[in-house]
Amino acid sequence: MSFELPKLAYSHEALEPHIDSRTMEIHHGKHHAGYTNNLNNAIKGTSMEGLSIEEILSKLDMNNMAIRNNGGGFFNHSLFWNVMSPGGGGVPSGDLMTAINDSFGNFEEFKLAFSKAAGTRFGSGWAWLCVHPGGKLEVCSTANQDNPLMQGIGCGGYPVLGLDVWEHAYYLNYQNRRPDYVSEFFNVINWEAVSASFNKKK
């Protein structure tokens, strides 16, 4: 069964002024759609066809750049849309907040670590908050469309929060001001969605 471009749970303009509608329209409708179509073409007729995206990425031959790049792009963006919402922002609660305090000291220290991971990723890539079995959290970043589900990238656990720091994610509105974009991301984080994923994977 082919992968399908997931529908957004909100309109293109719903995240403004933090993320502009034109960027959302291009990012979802062009970039993510492209990764989805290319992934389907890359796995067609292979042993990967019919597997879940998590299975594909965890079993991936990292030399297969078509599946690596497009499979990563499909998964990463699917997560990205889900961890944002128009009513987002604030701070998490419950078990996730407890885990953040246990792993980083407090929410502000987590925010600094995540912002540093996003801001210092050279070139294109992603910043992640990942959960390990038992509930320990880790912040890390990966290049291009790599993610923590892939083997040997030095970033482990299951990603529950991801931030796209490719220029196409912010350049129309922020130009080269990536730190401003990273800061604004915290105003749209859907902590309920992040918490649900954390509770499922811890």
C-alpha atoms as a PDB file:
ATOM      1  CA  MET A   1       0.000   0.000   0.000  1.00  0.00           C
ATOM      2  CA  SER A   2       1.385   3.398  -0.968  1.00  0.00           C
ATOM      3  CA  PHE A   3       2.126   6.156   1.493  1.00  0.00           C
ATOM      4  CA  GLU A   4      -0.111   9.212   1.283  1.00  0.00           C
ATOM      5  CA  LEU A   5       0.615  12.836   2.044  1.00  0.00           C
ATOM      6  CA  PRO A   6      -1.008  13.429   5.446  1.00  0.00           C
ATOM      7  CA  LYS A   7      -3.615  16.152   5.624  1.00  0.00           C
ATOM      8  CA  LEU A   8      -2.919  19.085   7.908  1.00  0.00           C
ATOM      9  CA  ALA A   9      -5.119  19.395  10.992  1.00  0.00           C
ATOM     10  CA  TYR A  10      -5.148  23.178  10.539  1.00  0.00           C
ATOM     11  CA  SER A  11      -5.162  25.703   7.698  1.00  0.00           C
ATOM     12  CA  HIS A  12      -2.004  27.045   6.048  1.00  0.00           C
ATOM     13  CA  GLU A  13      -2.407  30.411   7.761  1.00  0.00           C
ATOM     14  CA  ALA A  14      -3.296  28.997  11.189  1.00  0.00           C
ATOM     15  CA  LEU A  15       0.269  29.185  12.566  1.00  0.00           C
ATOM     16  CA  GLU A  16       0.811  32.830  11.648  1.00  0.00           C
ATOM     17  CA  PRO A  17       2.601  35.021  12.590  1.00  0.00           C
ATOM     18  CA  HIS A  18       5.069  32.396  13.764  1.00  0.00           C
ATOM     19  CA  ILE A  19       5.064  30.382  10.511  1.00  0.00           C
ATOM     20  CA  ASP A  20       3.617  32.100   7.458  1.00  0.00           C
ATOM     21  CA  SER A  21       0.954  30.629   5.212  1.00  0.00           C
ATOM     22  CA  ARG A  22       3.018  30.755   2.008  1.00  0.00           C
ATOM     23  CA  THR A  23       5.804  28.742   3.617  1.00  0.00           C
ATOM     24  CA  MET A  24       3.273  26.205   4.912  1.00  0.00           C
ATOM     25  CA  GLU A  25       1.651  25.912   1.505  1.00  0.00           C
ATOM     26  CA  ILE A  26       4.944  25.236  -0.278  1.00  0.00           C
ATOM     27  CA  HIS A  27       6.455  23.148   2.507  1.00  0.00           C
ATOM     28  CA  HIS A  28       3.517  20.773   2.831  1.00  0.00           C
ATOM     29  CA  GLY A  29       2.107  20.820  -0.687  1.00  0.00           C
ATOM     30  CA  LYS A  30       5.392  20.726  -2.610  1.00  0.00           C
ATOM     31  CA  HIS A  31       8.271  19.498  -0.447  1.00  0.00           C
ATOM     32  CA  HIS A  32       6.431  16.888   1.628  1.00  0.00           C
ATOM     33  CA  ALA A  33       4.391  15.789  -1.375  1.00  0.00           C
ATOM     34  CA  GLY A  34       7.619  15.291  -3.299  1.00  0.00           C
ATOM     35  CA  TYR A  35       9.152  13.138  -0.576  1.00  0.00           C
ATOM     36  CA  THR A  36       5.958  11.068  -0.435  1.00  0.00           C
ATOM     37  CA  ASN A  37       5.848  10.415  -4.174  1.00  0.00           C
ATOM     38  CA  ASN A  38       9.567   9.670  -4.388  1.00  0.00           C
ATOM     39  CA  LEU A  39       9.389   7.269  -1.433  1.00  0.00           C
ATOM     40  CA  ASN A  40       6.582   5.319  -3.080  1.00  0.00           C
ATOM     41  CA  ASN A  41       8.626   5.072  -6.280  1.00  0.00           C
ATOM     42  CA  ALA A  42      11.752   4.015  -4.378  1.00  0.00           C
ATOM     43  CA  ILE A  43      10.105   1.131  -2.497  1.00  0.00           C
ATOM     44  CA  LYS A  44       7.880  -0.110  -5.314  1.00  0.00           C
ATOM     45  CA  GLY A  45       8.651  -3.745  -6.060  1.00  0.00           C
ATOM     46  CA  THR A  46      11.126  -4.065  -3.169  1.00  0.00           C
ATOM     47  CA  SER A  47      10.995  -5.902   0.161  1.00  0.00           C
ATOM     48  CA  MET A  48      10.253  -2.543   1.790  1.00  0.00           C
ATOM     49  CA  GLU A  49       6.867  -2.269   0.090  1.00  0.00           C
ATOM     50  CA  GLY A  50       4.065  -2.851   2.589  1.00  0.00           C
ATOM     51  CA  LEU A  51       6.164  -2.052   5.667  1.00  0.00           C
ATOM     52  CA  SER A  52       5.410   0.834   8.016  1.00  0.00           C
ATOM     53  CA  ILE A  53       7.625   3.896   7.687  1.00  0.00           C
ATOM     54  CA  GLU A  54       9.186   3.113  11.092  1.00  0.00           C
ATOM     55  CA  GLU A  55      10.066  -0.407   9.908  1.00  0.00           C
ATOM     56  CA  ILE A  56      11.523   0.928   6.671  1.00  0.00           C
ATOM     57  CA  LEU A  57      13.744   3.448   8.428  1.00  0.00           C
ATOM     58  CA  SER A  58      14.941   1.093  11.169  1.00  0.00           C
ATOM     59  CA  LYS A  59      15.872  -1.634   8.642  1.00  0.00           C
ATOM     60  CA  LEU A  60      17.267   0.744   6.046  1.00  0.00           C
ATOM     61  CA  ASP A  61      20.485   0.185   4.108  1.00  0.00           C
ATOM     62  CA  MET A  62      21.983   3.630   4.691  1.00  0.00           C
ATOM     63  CA  ASN A  63      23.632   3.488   1.274  1.00  0.00           C
ATOM     64  CA  ASN A  64      20.208   3.468  -0.360  1.00  0.00           C
ATOM     65  CA  MET A  65      19.976   7.226  -0.655  1.00  0.00           C
ATOM     66  CA  ALA A  66      16.601   7.264  -2.424  1.00  0.00           C
ATOM     67  CA  ILE A  67      14.834   5.547   0.483  1.00  0.00           C
ATOM     68  CA  ARG A  68      17.041   7.221   3.105  1.00  0.00           C
ATOM     69  CA  ASN A  69      16.321  10.756   1.885  1.00  0.00           C
ATOM     70  CA  ASN A  70      12.684  10.338   0.880  1.00  0.00           C
ATOM     71  CA  GLY A  71      11.711   7.965   3.676  1.00  0.00           C
ATOM     72  CA  GLY A  72      13.281  10.319   6.170  1.00  0.00           C
ATOM     73  CA  GLY A  73      11.604  13.284   4.531  1.00  0.00           C
ATOM     74  CA  PHE A  74       8.217  11.574   4.686  1.00  0.00           C
ATOM     75  CA  PHE A  75       8.503  10.580   8.354  1.00  0.00           C
ATOM     76  CA  ASN A  76      10.134  13.799   9.552  1.00  0.00           C
ATOM     77  CA  HIS A  77       7.554  16.089   8.013  1.00  0.00           C
ATOM     78  CA  SER A  78       4.644  13.900   9.153  1.00  0.00           C
ATOM     79  CA  LEU A  79       5.912  14.311  12.712  1.00  0.00           C
ATOM     80  CA  PHE A  80       6.598  18.031  12.234  1.00  0.00           C
ATOM     81  CA  TRP A  81       3.016  18.911  11.251  1.00  0.00           C
ATOM     82  CA  ASN A  82       1.647  16.851  14.132  1.00  0.00           C
ATOM     83  CA  VAL A  83       3.695  18.574  16.855  1.00  0.00           C
ATOM     84  CA  MET A  84       2.408  22.028  15.907  1.00  0.00           C
ATOM     85  CA  SER A  85      -1.016  23.600  16.416  1.00  0.00           C
ATOM     86  CA  PRO A  86      -2.593  27.067  16.356  1.00  0.00           C
ATOM     87  CA  GLY A  87      -3.249  26.864  20.081  1.00  0.00           C
ATOM     88  CA  GLY A  88       0.224  25.601  20.874  1.00  0.00           C
ATOM     89  CA  GLY A  89       3.011  27.017  22.971  1.00  0.00           C
ATOM     90  CA  GLY A  90       3.310  27.173  26.723  1.00  0.00           C
ATOM     91  CA  VAL A  91       4.917  24.286  28.565  1.00  0.00           C
ATOM     92  CA  PRO A  92       4.207  20.557  28.756  1.00  0.00           C
ATOM     93  CA  SER A  93       2.654  18.905  31.787  1.00  0.00           C
ATOM     94  CA  GLY A  94       2.323  15.506  33.411  1.00  0.00           C
ATOM     95  CA  ASP A  95       4.816  12.720  32.796  1.00  0.00           C
ATOM     96  CA  LEU A  96       6.527  14.560  29.942  1.00  0.00           C
ATOM     97  CA  MET A  97       7.300  17.567  32.130  1.00  0.00           C
ATOM     98  CA  THR A  98       8.584  15.263  34.839  1.00  0.00           C
ATOM     99  CA  ALA A  99      10.864  13.568  32.311  1.00  0.00           C
ATOM    100  CA  ILE A 100      12.104  16.943  31.018  1.00  0.00           C
ATOM    101  CA  ASN A 101      12.958  18.011  34.571  1.00  0.00           C
ATOM    102  CA  ASP A 102      14.670  14.681  35.253  1.00  0.00           C
ATOM    103  CA  SER A 103      16.660  14.730  32.002  1.00  0.00           C
ATOM    104  CA  PHE A 104      17.558  18.432  31.694  1.00  0.00           C
ATOM    105  CA  GLY A 105      17.010  19.995  35.116  1.00  0.00           C
ATOM    106  CA  ASN A 106      14.079  22.187  34.092  1.00  0.00           C
ATOM    107  CA  PHE A 107      12.121  23.320  31.048  1.00  0.00           C
ATOM    108  CA  GLU A 108      14.345  26.332  30.353  1.00  0.00           C
ATOM    109  CA  GLU A 109      17.436  24.121  30.219  1.00  0.00           C
ATOM    110  CA  PHE A 110      15.651  21.798  27.796  1.00  0.00           C
ATOM    111  CA  LYS A 111      14.657  24.794  25.670  1.00  0.00           C
ATOM    112  CA  LEU A 112      18.266  25.998  25.576  1.00  0.00           C
ATOM    113  CA  ALA A 113      19.540  22.532  24.603  1.00  0.00           C
ATOM    114  CA  PHE A 114      16.942  22.104  21.870  1.00  0.00           C
ATOM    115  CA  SER A 115      17.518  25.610  20.504  1.00  0.00           C
ATOM    116  CA  LYS A 116      21.278  25.001  20.447  1.00  0.00           C
ATOM    117  CA  ALA A 117      20.813  21.715  18.569  1.00  0.00           C
ATOM    118  CA  ALA A 118      18.637  23.491  15.998  1.00  0.00           C
ATOM    119  CA  GLY A 119      20.789  26.592  15.746  1.00  0.00           C
ATOM    120  CA  THR A 120      24.161  24.865  15.434  1.00  0.00           C
ATOM    121  CA  ARG A 121      23.159  22.206  12.891  1.00  0.00           C
ATOM    122  CA  PHE A 122      25.350  23.167   9.939  1.00  0.00           C
ATOM    123  CA  GLY A 123      23.440  23.324   6.664  1.00  0.00           C
ATOM    124  CA  SER A 124      20.184  21.435   6.349  1.00  0.00           C
ATOM    125  CA  GLY A 125      18.796  19.103   8.991  1.00  0.00           C
ATOM    126  CA  TRP A 126      16.576  18.596  12.011  1.00  0.00           C
ATOM    127  CA  ALA A 127      16.618  19.039  15.779  1.00  0.00           C
ATOM    128  CA  TRP A 128      15.002  16.313  17.878  1.00  0.00           C
ATOM    129  CA  LEU A 129      13.676  15.478  21.311  1.00  0.00           C
ATOM    130  CA  CYS A 130      13.810  11.697  21.660  1.00  0.00           C
ATOM    131  CA  VAL A 131      12.637   9.287  24.328  1.00  0.00           C
ATOM    132  CA  HIS A 132      14.522   6.127  25.274  1.00  0.00           C
ATOM    133  CA  PRO A 133      12.935   3.042  26.870  1.00  0.00           C
ATOM    134  CA  GLY A 134      12.283   3.928  30.495  1.00  0.00           C
ATOM    135  CA  GLY A 135      11.485   7.549  29.719  1.00  0.00           C
ATOM    136  CA  LYS A 136      14.940   9.173  29.542  1.00  0.00           C
ATOM    137  CA  LEU A 137      14.974  12.078  27.101  1.00  0.00           C
ATOM    138  CA  GLU A 138      17.712  13.188  24.723  1.00  0.00           C
ATOM    139  CA  VAL A 139      18.162  16.229  22.482  1.00  0.00           C
ATOM    140  CA  CYS A 140      20.167  15.824  19.294  1.00  0.00           C
ATOM    141  CA  SER A 141      20.270  16.854  15.650  1.00  0.00           C
ATOM    142  CA  THR A 142      20.712  15.101  12.329  1.00  0.00           C
ATOM    143  CA  ALA A 143      21.753  16.186   8.860  1.00  0.00           C
ATOM    144  CA  ASN A 144      19.518  16.399   5.810  1.00  0.00           C
ATOM    145  CA  GLN A 145      16.487  14.071   6.205  1.00  0.00           C
ATOM    146  CA  ASP A 146      18.160  11.620   8.584  1.00  0.00           C
ATOM    147  CA  ASN A 147      16.382  10.876  11.853  1.00  0.00           C
ATOM    148  CA  PRO A 148      16.909   8.924  15.095  1.00  0.00           C
ATOM    149  CA  LEU A 149      15.133   5.805  13.782  1.00  0.00           C
ATOM    150  CA  MET A 150      18.029   5.209  11.375  1.00  0.00           C
ATOM    151  CA  GLN A 151      21.057   3.186  12.402  1.00  0.00           C
ATOM    152  CA  GLY A 152      24.451   4.681  13.139  1.00  0.00           C
ATOM    153  CA  ILE A 153      23.685   8.390  12.998  1.00  0.00           C
ATOM    154  CA  GLY A 154      24.660   9.081  16.619  1.00  0.00           C
ATOM    155  CA  CYS A 155      21.182  10.119  17.689  1.00  0.00           C
ATOM    156  CA  GLY A 156      19.012   7.515  19.369  1.00  0.00           C
ATOM    157  CA  GLY A 157      15.621   6.903  20.902  1.00  0.00           C
ATOM    158  CA  TYR A 158      12.225   7.576  19.361  1.00  0.00           C
ATOM    159  CA  PRO A 159      11.622  11.139  18.143  1.00  0.00           C
ATOM    160  CA  VAL A 160       8.643  12.819  19.815  1.00  0.00           C
ATOM    161  CA  LEU A 161       9.441  16.413  18.784  1.00  0.00           C
ATOM    162  CA  GLY A 162      11.207  17.523  15.624  1.00  0.00           C
ATOM    163  CA  LEU A 163      12.071  20.902  14.125  1.00  0.00           C
ATOM    164  CA  ASP A 164      12.911  21.305  10.450  1.00  0.00           C
ATOM    165  CA  VAL A 165      15.895  23.644  10.012  1.00  0.00           C
ATOM    166  CA  TRP A 166      16.186  23.336   6.248  1.00  0.00           C
ATOM    167  CA  GLU A 167      16.054  26.828   4.743  1.00  0.00           C
ATOM    168  CA  HIS A 168      12.818  26.009   2.920  1.00  0.00           C
ATOM    169  CA  ALA A 169      11.133  25.766   6.337  1.00  0.00           C
ATOM    170  CA  TYR A 170      11.740  29.416   7.244  1.00  0.00           C
ATOM    171  CA  TYR A 171      13.525  31.452   4.571  1.00  0.00           C
ATOM    172  CA  LEU A 172      10.505  33.291   3.129  1.00  0.00           C
ATOM    173  CA  ASN A 173       9.713  34.855   6.492  1.00  0.00           C
ATOM    174  CA  TYR A 174      12.988  34.776   8.425  1.00  0.00           C
ATOM    175  CA  GLN A 175      15.616  34.836   5.646  1.00  0.00           C
ATOM    176  CA  ASN A 176      18.913  33.879   7.342  1.00  0.00           C
ATOM    177  CA  ARG A 177      17.622  34.461  10.899  1.00  0.00           C
ATOM    178  CA  ARG A 178      17.346  30.815  11.942  1.00  0.00           C
ATOM    179  CA  PRO A 179      17.516  31.625  15.692  1.00  0.00           C
ATOM    180  CA  ASP A 180      14.369  33.770  15.357  1.00  0.00           C
ATOM    181  CA  TYR A 181      12.562  30.904  13.622  1.00  0.00           C
ATOM    182  CA  VAL A 182      13.664  28.448  16.315  1.00  0.00           C
ATOM    183  CA  SER A 183      12.438  30.792  19.025  1.00  0.00           C
ATOM    184  CA  GLU A 184       9.053  31.236  17.333  1.00  0.00           C
ATOM    185  CA  PHE A 185       8.626  27.463  16.999  1.00  0.00           C
ATOM    186  CA  PHE A 186       8.083  27.242  20.755  1.00  0.00           C
ATOM    187  CA  ASN A 187       4.912  29.328  20.314  1.00  0.00           C
ATOM    188  CA  VAL A 188       3.252  26.648  18.181  1.00  0.00           C
ATOM    189  CA  ILE A 189       4.402  23.385  19.784  1.00  0.00           C
ATOM    190  CA  ASN A 190       1.456  21.071  20.440  1.00  0.00           C
ATOM    191  CA  TRP A 191       2.585  19.652  23.775  1.00  0.00           C
ATOM    192  CA  GLU A 192      -0.466  17.379  23.997  1.00  0.00           C
ATOM    193  CA  ALA A 193       0.648  15.603  20.818  1.00  0.00           C
ATOM    194  CA  VAL A 194       4.248  15.411  22.048  1.00  0.00           C
ATOM    195  CA  SER A 195       3.060  14.005  25.379  1.00  0.00           C
ATOM    196  CA  ALA A 196       0.873  11.401  23.687  1.00  0.00           C
ATOM    197  CA  SER A 197       3.835  10.190  21.647  1.00  0.00           C
ATOM    198  CA  PHE A 198       6.094  10.226  24.719  1.00  0.00           C
ATOM    199  CA  ASN A 199       3.631   8.169  26.777  1.00  0.00           C
ATOM    200  CA  LYS A 200       3.310   5.652  23.954  1.00  0.00           C
ATOM    201  CA  LYS A 201       7.044   5.191  23.386  1.00  0.00           C
ATOM    202  CA  LYS A 202       8.610   5.567  26.852  1.00  0.00           C
END
